[in-house]
Protein backbone atom coordinates (compact mmCIF):
# COMPACT_ATOMS: atom_id res chain seq x y z
CA MET A 1 61.34 -23.98 -17.95
CA ARG A 2 59.42 -23.44 -21.49
CA LYS A 3 55.44 -22.99 -20.99
CA ARG A 4 53.11 -24.02 -23.47
CA VAL A 5 49.79 -22.56 -25.21
CA LEU A 6 47.17 -23.53 -27.11
CA SER A 7 45.52 -20.74 -29.47
CA GLY A 8 42.86 -18.85 -27.88
CA LEU A 9 41.39 -15.81 -27.88
CA SER A 10 43.57 -13.26 -25.63
CA LEU A 11 43.23 -10.46 -23.89
CA ALA A 12 44.20 -7.85 -26.49
CA ALA A 13 42.56 -9.44 -29.69
CA ILE A 14 39.12 -9.38 -27.30
CA LEU A 15 40.16 -5.73 -26.19
CA ALA A 16 40.42 -4.70 -29.96
CA LEU A 17 37.21 -2.85 -30.22
CA SER A 18 37.12 0.92 -31.14
CA SER A 19 38.08 3.66 -29.28
CA GLU A 20 35.36 5.39 -30.39
CA ALA A 21 32.86 4.29 -27.87
CA ALA A 22 34.73 6.63 -25.16
CA LEU A 23 32.50 8.92 -26.44
CA LEU A 24 29.58 7.27 -25.12
CA LEU A 25 30.96 6.64 -21.58
CA PRO A 26 29.77 9.74 -19.39
CA ALA A 27 26.14 9.05 -19.78
CA PHE A 28 27.23 5.52 -18.50
CA ALA A 29 29.09 6.46 -15.95
CA GLN A 30 26.85 8.32 -14.06
CA LYS A 31 24.84 5.04 -13.98
CA ALA A 32 27.89 3.15 -12.55
CA ALA A 33 27.82 4.24 -8.97
CA SER A 34 27.68 0.47 -8.10
CA PRO A 35 26.69 -2.56 -10.26
CA ALA A 36 23.43 -2.90 -8.66
CA GLN A 37 22.52 0.55 -9.89
CA SER A 38 23.76 0.63 -13.23
CA MET A 39 22.54 -2.72 -14.46
CA GLN A 40 18.30 -1.11 -13.27
CA ASN A 41 19.39 1.65 -15.79
CA VAL A 42 21.43 0.60 -18.71
CA ASP A 43 20.20 -1.29 -21.94
CA PRO A 44 21.90 -4.70 -21.42
CA LEU A 45 23.19 -4.77 -25.33
CA LYS A 46 24.42 -1.51 -25.17
CA GLY A 47 25.69 -1.69 -21.84
CA TRP A 48 28.14 -4.31 -22.58
CA GLN A 49 29.46 -2.39 -25.49
CA VAL A 50 30.30 0.16 -23.33
CA TYR A 51 31.22 -1.13 -20.20
CA LEU A 52 33.65 -3.16 -22.27
CA MET A 53 35.09 -0.52 -24.06
CA ALA A 54 35.36 1.24 -21.14
CA GLY A 55 37.15 -1.39 -19.15
CA ASN A 56 39.29 -1.52 -22.74
CA ALA A 57 40.40 2.01 -22.22
CA SER A 58 41.57 1.86 -18.47
CA VAL A 59 43.98 -1.26 -19.62
CA HIS A 60 45.59 1.15 -22.17
CA LYS A 61 45.80 3.57 -18.87
CA HIS A 62 47.38 0.69 -16.44
CA ASP A 63 44.56 1.34 -14.23
CA LEU A 64 43.64 -2.38 -13.72
CA ALA A 65 41.50 -2.22 -10.87
CA ARG A 66 39.19 0.23 -12.41
CA ALA A 67 39.09 -1.99 -16.06
CA LEU A 68 38.23 -4.97 -13.15
CA TYR A 69 35.09 -2.98 -12.21
CA TYR A 70 33.90 -2.09 -15.71
CA PHE A 71 34.41 -5.85 -17.26
CA LYS A 72 32.51 -7.02 -14.41
CA LEU A 73 29.98 -4.83 -15.16
CA SER A 74 29.83 -5.94 -18.41
CA GLU A 75 29.60 -9.31 -17.34
CA ALA A 76 26.38 -8.60 -15.38
CA CYS A 77 24.75 -7.25 -18.82
CA ALA A 78 25.99 -10.35 -20.55
CA ARG A 79 23.95 -12.34 -18.37
CA LYS A 80 21.04 -10.28 -19.22
CA ILE A 81 21.20 -10.99 -22.78
CA PRO A 82 19.36 -13.68 -24.06
CA GLY A 83 20.32 -16.44 -26.67
CA LYS A 84 23.52 -17.32 -28.18
CA SER A 85 24.31 -13.56 -28.40
CA GLY A 86 24.15 -13.11 -24.48
CA THR A 87 26.14 -16.28 -24.23
CA ASP A 88 29.12 -15.27 -26.50
CA LYS A 89 29.11 -12.13 -24.59
CA LEU A 90 29.43 -13.77 -21.23
CA ASP A 91 32.16 -16.08 -22.64
CA ALA A 92 33.96 -13.09 -23.67
CA SER A 93 33.56 -11.09 -20.58
CA LEU A 94 34.90 -14.08 -18.15
CA LYS A 95 37.84 -14.19 -20.46
CA ILE A 96 38.94 -10.78 -20.36
CA ILE A 97 38.26 -10.66 -16.32
CA ALA A 98 40.29 -13.71 -15.77
CA SER A 99 42.80 -12.15 -17.88
CA VAL A 100 43.02 -8.88 -16.09
CA TYR A 101 43.57 -11.07 -12.61
CA ASN A 102 46.21 -12.45 -14.01
CA GLN A 103 47.85 -9.55 -15.30
CA LEU A 104 47.26 -8.74 -11.22
CA ARG A 105 48.88 -12.08 -10.73
CA GLN A 106 45.59 -12.80 -8.46
CA TYR A 107 46.02 -16.10 -9.60
CA THR A 108 43.00 -18.32 -7.76
CA GLU A 109 41.20 -15.83 -8.63
CA ALA A 110 41.92 -16.18 -12.59
CA ALA A 111 41.01 -19.31 -11.91
CA GLN A 112 37.36 -19.05 -11.01
CA TYR A 113 36.64 -17.39 -13.93
CA GLY A 114 38.56 -20.02 -15.94
CA ARG A 115 36.45 -22.45 -14.57
CA GLN A 116 33.48 -20.30 -15.17
CA VAL A 117 34.40 -20.32 -18.75
CA VAL A 118 34.90 -23.99 -19.44
CA GLU A 119 31.07 -24.68 -17.73
CA LEU A 120 29.76 -22.13 -20.01
CA ASN A 121 31.20 -24.11 -22.72
CA LYS A 122 30.45 -27.18 -21.81
CA ALA A 123 26.47 -26.04 -21.66
CA THR A 124 26.84 -24.73 -24.54
CA HIS A 125 27.88 -27.80 -26.23
CA GLU A 126 31.29 -25.76 -27.81
CA PRO A 127 33.13 -28.25 -29.99
CA PRO A 128 36.00 -30.30 -28.26
CA ALA A 129 38.75 -28.32 -29.59
CA ASP A 130 37.81 -24.73 -28.20
CA ILE A 131 36.26 -26.38 -24.42
CA THR A 132 40.38 -28.06 -24.68
CA VAL A 133 41.41 -24.02 -24.82
CA SER A 134 39.52 -23.01 -22.23
CA LEU A 135 40.87 -25.95 -20.10
CA ASN A 136 44.56 -25.37 -20.93
CA ALA A 137 43.92 -21.97 -19.89
CA LEU A 138 42.26 -22.90 -16.70
CA ALA A 139 44.90 -25.53 -15.88
CA LYS A 140 47.89 -22.71 -16.39
CA MET A 141 45.93 -20.67 -14.10
CA TYR A 142 45.91 -23.19 -11.23
CA LYS A 143 49.97 -23.75 -11.93
CA LYS A 144 50.08 -20.22 -11.33
CA ALA A 145 48.53 -20.25 -8.36
CA GLY A 146 50.55 -22.94 -7.26
CA LYS A 147 47.62 -25.95 -7.35
CA TYR A 148 49.43 -28.40 -8.98
CA ALA A 149 47.23 -31.00 -8.00
CA GLU A 150 43.69 -29.11 -9.95
CA SER A 151 46.47 -28.00 -12.65
CA GLU A 152 47.19 -32.02 -13.37
CA GLN A 153 43.62 -32.56 -13.08
CA THR A 154 42.21 -30.42 -15.57
CA TYR A 155 45.04 -30.86 -18.18
CA LYS A 156 43.95 -34.64 -17.42
CA GLU A 157 39.94 -33.19 -18.46
CA ALA A 158 41.45 -31.57 -21.37
CA LEU A 159 43.02 -34.39 -22.64
CA ALA A 160 39.32 -36.39 -21.66
CA VAL A 161 37.88 -33.87 -23.56
CA LEU A 162 39.56 -34.09 -26.71
CA GLY A 163 38.43 -37.97 -27.36
CA PRO A 164 40.50 -40.59 -28.98
CA LYS A 165 39.90 -38.86 -32.75
CA LEU A 166 42.34 -35.70 -31.41
CA GLN A 167 44.71 -37.98 -29.39
CA ALA A 168 47.62 -37.58 -32.16
CA THR A 169 46.91 -33.36 -32.81
CA GLN A 170 49.15 -30.51 -31.78
CA ASP A 171 46.94 -29.26 -29.10
CA ALA A 172 47.13 -33.02 -27.96
CA ALA A 173 50.83 -32.55 -27.96
CA THR A 174 50.87 -29.29 -26.25
CA ILE A 175 48.49 -30.61 -23.46
CA HIS A 176 51.20 -33.50 -22.78
CA ASP A 177 54.21 -31.12 -22.36
CA ASN A 178 52.28 -28.72 -20.16
CA LEU A 179 51.42 -31.93 -17.94
CA GLY A 180 55.02 -32.97 -17.69
CA LEU A 181 55.92 -29.31 -16.53
CA VAL A 182 53.16 -29.74 -13.87
CA TYR A 183 54.76 -33.37 -12.69
CA GLN A 184 57.88 -31.73 -12.62
CA GLU A 185 56.63 -29.25 -9.59
CA GLU A 186 55.33 -32.19 -8.06
CA LYS A 187 58.68 -33.70 -8.38
CA GLN A 188 57.33 -36.82 -10.02
CA TYR A 189 59.68 -36.80 -12.67
CA ASP A 190 59.15 -40.12 -14.01
CA LYS A 191 55.71 -38.96 -15.01
CA ALA A 192 57.19 -35.91 -16.50
CA VAL A 193 59.25 -37.78 -18.84
CA ALA A 194 56.45 -39.88 -19.99
CA GLU A 195 54.81 -36.97 -20.98
CA HIS A 196 56.99 -34.89 -22.59
CA GLN A 197 58.25 -37.61 -24.33
CA LEU A 198 54.69 -38.30 -25.70
CA ALA A 199 54.56 -34.69 -26.56
CA TYR A 200 58.26 -34.72 -28.12
CA ASN A 201 57.03 -38.09 -30.26
CA LEU A 202 54.08 -36.24 -31.61
CA TYR A 203 56.04 -32.52 -32.76
CA ARG A 204 58.54 -34.77 -34.33
CA LYS A 205 55.93 -36.14 -36.09
CA LEU A 206 53.68 -33.18 -37.14
CA SER A 207 56.42 -30.65 -37.08
CA GLY A 208 59.74 -32.22 -37.75
CA ASP A 209 62.76 -32.02 -35.95
CA ASN A 210 64.18 -28.67 -36.58
CA ASN A 211 60.83 -26.94 -35.91
CA LYS A 212 60.29 -24.41 -32.66
CA ASP A 213 57.88 -26.55 -30.93
CA THR A 214 60.09 -29.95 -31.06
CA ALA A 215 63.01 -27.69 -29.71
CA TYR A 216 60.79 -26.30 -26.53
CA CYS A 217 59.72 -30.20 -25.84
CA GLN A 218 63.54 -31.10 -26.10
CA MET A 219 64.16 -28.70 -23.29
CA ASN A 220 61.06 -29.66 -21.05
CA LEU A 221 62.14 -33.10 -21.90
CA ALA A 222 65.82 -32.44 -20.51
CA GLU A 223 64.42 -30.75 -18.00
CA ALA A 224 63.02 -33.62 -16.87
CA TYR A 225 65.71 -35.80 -17.21
CA ILE A 226 67.69 -33.58 -15.33
CA GLY A 227 64.96 -33.93 -12.00
CA MET A 228 65.95 -37.65 -12.38
CA LYS A 229 69.68 -37.05 -12.52
CA ASP A 230 69.82 -38.45 -15.82
CA TYR A 231 72.31 -35.83 -17.14
CA ALA A 232 73.43 -38.50 -20.04
CA LYS A 233 70.15 -38.43 -21.69
CA ALA A 234 69.56 -34.54 -20.45
CA GLU A 235 72.48 -32.92 -22.51
CA PRO A 236 72.50 -34.16 -26.46
CA LEU A 237 68.47 -32.81 -26.35
CA LEU A 238 69.70 -29.85 -24.85
CA ASN A 239 72.40 -29.58 -27.56
CA SER A 240 69.76 -30.29 -29.86
CA ALA A 241 67.35 -27.76 -29.25
CA LYS A 242 70.18 -24.97 -28.72
CA THR A 243 71.31 -25.82 -32.41
CA THR A 244 67.06 -25.50 -33.64
CA ILE A 245 66.35 -22.20 -31.55
CA GLU A 246 69.53 -20.44 -32.93
CA LYS A 247 68.47 -21.07 -36.36
CA THR A 248 64.59 -20.66 -35.87
CA GLU A 249 64.66 -17.90 -33.06
CA GLY A 250 67.96 -16.33 -32.65
CA ALA A 251 70.45 -16.32 -30.56
CA SER A 252 68.98 -13.90 -28.07
CA SER A 253 65.70 -14.77 -28.93
CA VAL A 254 63.66 -15.38 -25.30
CA ALA A 255 63.30 -19.07 -26.12
CA MET A 256 67.02 -18.74 -25.85
CA ALA A 257 66.48 -17.78 -22.44
CA SER A 258 64.64 -20.81 -20.77
CA LEU A 259 67.03 -23.02 -22.65
CA LEU A 260 70.53 -21.13 -21.45
CA ASP A 261 69.01 -21.67 -17.63
CA ASN A 262 68.37 -25.17 -18.11
CA ILE A 263 72.01 -25.92 -19.54
CA GLY A 264 73.34 -23.61 -16.65
CA MET A 265 71.13 -25.77 -14.32
CA LEU A 266 72.79 -29.29 -16.15
CA TYR A 267 76.38 -27.84 -15.85
CA SER A 268 76.09 -26.85 -12.50
CA ARG A 269 74.82 -30.26 -11.41
CA THR A 270 77.66 -32.01 -13.59
CA GLU A 271 80.32 -29.98 -11.26
CA ARG A 272 80.96 -27.02 -14.64
CA LEU A 273 80.30 -24.45 -12.35
CA SER A 274 81.84 -21.52 -14.49
CA GLU A 275 80.48 -23.07 -17.42
CA ALA A 276 76.78 -23.06 -15.61
CA GLU A 277 77.43 -19.65 -14.15
CA GLU A 278 78.21 -18.30 -17.34
CA MET A 279 75.00 -19.68 -18.90
CA GLN A 280 72.99 -18.59 -16.37
CA ARG A 281 74.47 -15.10 -16.37
CA LYS A 282 73.46 -14.82 -20.11
CA ALA A 283 70.28 -16.35 -19.04
CA PHE A 284 69.16 -13.46 -16.70
CA VAL A 285 70.28 -10.67 -19.03
CA LEU A 286 67.59 -12.12 -21.83
CA ILE A 287 64.76 -13.03 -18.98
CA GLU A 288 65.03 -9.05 -17.96
CA LYS A 289 65.21 -8.48 -21.47
CA TYR A 290 62.02 -10.19 -22.51
CA HIS A 291 59.87 -10.67 -19.51
CA GLY A 292 61.43 -7.84 -16.70
CA HIS A 293 63.09 -8.18 -13.66
CA PHE A 294 60.16 -8.56 -11.71
CA SER A 295 58.75 -11.75 -13.12
CA ALA A 296 58.88 -15.51 -12.23
CA ASP A 297 61.28 -16.85 -14.79
CA ALA A 298 63.77 -14.11 -13.31
CA ALA A 299 62.82 -15.08 -9.66
CA ILE A 300 64.04 -19.18 -11.03
CA CYS A 301 66.95 -18.13 -12.96
CA LEU A 302 68.25 -16.65 -9.92
CA ASN A 303 67.66 -18.85 -7.58
CA ASN A 304 69.35 -21.19 -10.17
CA LEU A 305 72.44 -18.87 -10.51
CA ALA A 306 72.43 -18.52 -6.73
CA THR A 307 72.71 -22.28 -6.62
CA THR A 308 75.49 -22.11 -8.39
CA TYR A 309 77.71 -19.52 -6.75
CA SER A 310 76.94 -21.18 -3.75
CA GLN A 311 78.62 -24.45 -5.07
CA GLU A 312 81.60 -22.52 -6.52
CA ASN A 313 81.86 -21.05 -2.33
CA LYS A 314 81.19 -17.61 -3.83
CA ASN A 315 78.51 -16.92 -0.58
CA ASP A 316 78.43 -13.76 -0.72
CA GLU A 317 76.91 -13.51 -4.63
CA ALA A 318 75.01 -16.61 -3.56
CA LYS A 319 73.52 -14.76 -0.74
CA ARG A 320 72.80 -11.46 -2.27
CA THR A 321 71.63 -13.37 -5.45
CA ALA A 322 69.41 -15.71 -3.43
CA VAL A 323 67.77 -12.63 -1.45
CA GLU A 324 66.83 -10.93 -4.47
CA ALA A 325 65.41 -14.01 -5.92
CA CYS A 326 63.45 -14.51 -2.36
CA ALA A 327 62.34 -11.03 -3.15
CA ILE A 328 60.90 -11.28 -6.40
CA ALA A 329 58.91 -14.67 -5.86
CA THR A 330 57.24 -12.83 -2.95
CA LYS A 331 56.19 -9.98 -5.22
CA VAL A 332 55.67 -12.30 -7.94
CA PHE A 333 53.89 -15.42 -6.41
CA GLY A 334 53.16 -14.44 -2.80
CA ALA A 335 54.66 -15.14 -0.04
CA HIS A 336 52.94 -18.90 0.49
CA HIS A 337 53.48 -20.20 -3.13
CA PRO A 338 55.66 -23.57 -3.43
CA MET A 339 58.10 -21.97 -5.69
CA THR A 340 58.14 -18.76 -3.20
CA LYS A 341 59.31 -21.36 -0.14
CA ARG A 342 61.57 -23.19 -2.65
CA CYS A 343 63.68 -20.01 -2.79
CA ILE A 344 63.53 -19.61 0.80
CA ASN A 345 64.66 -22.56 1.44
CA ASN A 346 67.56 -22.32 -1.16
CA LEU A 347 68.37 -18.95 0.77
CA ASP A 348 68.47 -20.62 4.27
CA GLY A 349 70.34 -23.32 2.73
CA ILE A 350 72.86 -21.14 1.44
CA LEU A 351 73.14 -19.04 4.58
CA GLY A 352 73.62 -22.27 6.75
CA LYS A 353 76.46 -23.53 4.41
CA GLY A 354 78.28 -19.81 5.20
CA LEU A 355 78.00 -20.53 8.51
CA LYS A 356 79.64 -23.35 8.85
CA GLN A 357 82.46 -22.45 6.79
CA ALA A 358 82.65 -19.66 8.63
CA GLU A 359 82.60 -21.92 12.29
CA ALA A 360 85.25 -24.38 10.72
CA ALA A 361 87.60 -21.86 9.96
CA PRO A 362 90.68 -21.92 12.02
CA VAL A 363 91.09 -18.78 14.06
CA THR A 364 94.29 -16.80 14.60
CA ASN A 365 95.31 -14.17 17.09
CA GLN A 366 98.25 -13.19 14.85
CA GLY A 367 97.66 -9.12 15.96
CA GLU A 368 98.02 -10.16 19.65
CA SER A 369 101.85 -9.90 21.05
CA PRO A 370 102.66 -13.59 22.64
CA GLU A 371 101.95 -14.02 26.32
CA GLN A 372 105.25 -13.18 28.33
CA LYS A 373 106.30 -15.77 31.47
CA PRO A 374 106.56 -14.56 34.42
């Protein structure tokens, strides 16, 4: 599953501030015993700058909890700065806070700040393209939180904000593609195919057939067809995407990880189990390389691999892999997220299958001597 992004202000870009400001921090730190106390003593403009830089320093030290504290102080300062300058600074602070919550995997809190960014953009009459970027980011936060209905509505809101004149743009293609991914999570595969097809047509028109964006969209469209069990339509799309990704990104790229997992899923569904296992194992190696072991992509890939092992009657491998998928999903998504529940259900099915096979196995007493008649 390849997720798409709109270009916008990243956390790294916002935090690209001079480290020299750390020299100003000690004087402000004494005033920051609490948000209420600090706001009474700090000039809002200077406070916003220094608290933002203090948060930046904490991010570089991997202390996200302290970073969040400083960024929220910068938000409070920004709300006291009048005019467009204050609005711009508030926008930056809110985006940073949402990004930090994302890094902390607190997606519901991230979405709360993402919604504030959207409402601020609307209130200040930002261009439709800018509001769309904020809405796309918010929809992704809802999706990560497992709030698929809210994600769906937010993507639709983004398309409405674009208006008729921008429906044939790259931004529109990205939103249609992302909306299709949400429909897949909701198992509304017919709607997913429709959205991915719209995106695919736009990417082909805007970027051509041999472009990585077009290939990513082919991957997503193929995944939706797999969900519909229309494997004949899925396979040529995946093969075409593989050819393009190998040329544009490389055979060991991050994009190839998602592609191999999708090909593995197709092979698994079409009873090509040894090939499916090979593809999924290769995909997991790349996912660990680029995303780490404890990542959403790792949980998804291992869950798919566990299913393949189960189909091959490799019950021990299936159980071990499914347990690891559940552990990763719980850590990344939380115990009540739909993806975690999906992994748990898969593990339950694998354990149930193993139990049934054990019960059906013939019972022999070869080690016992035959009973002697009296």
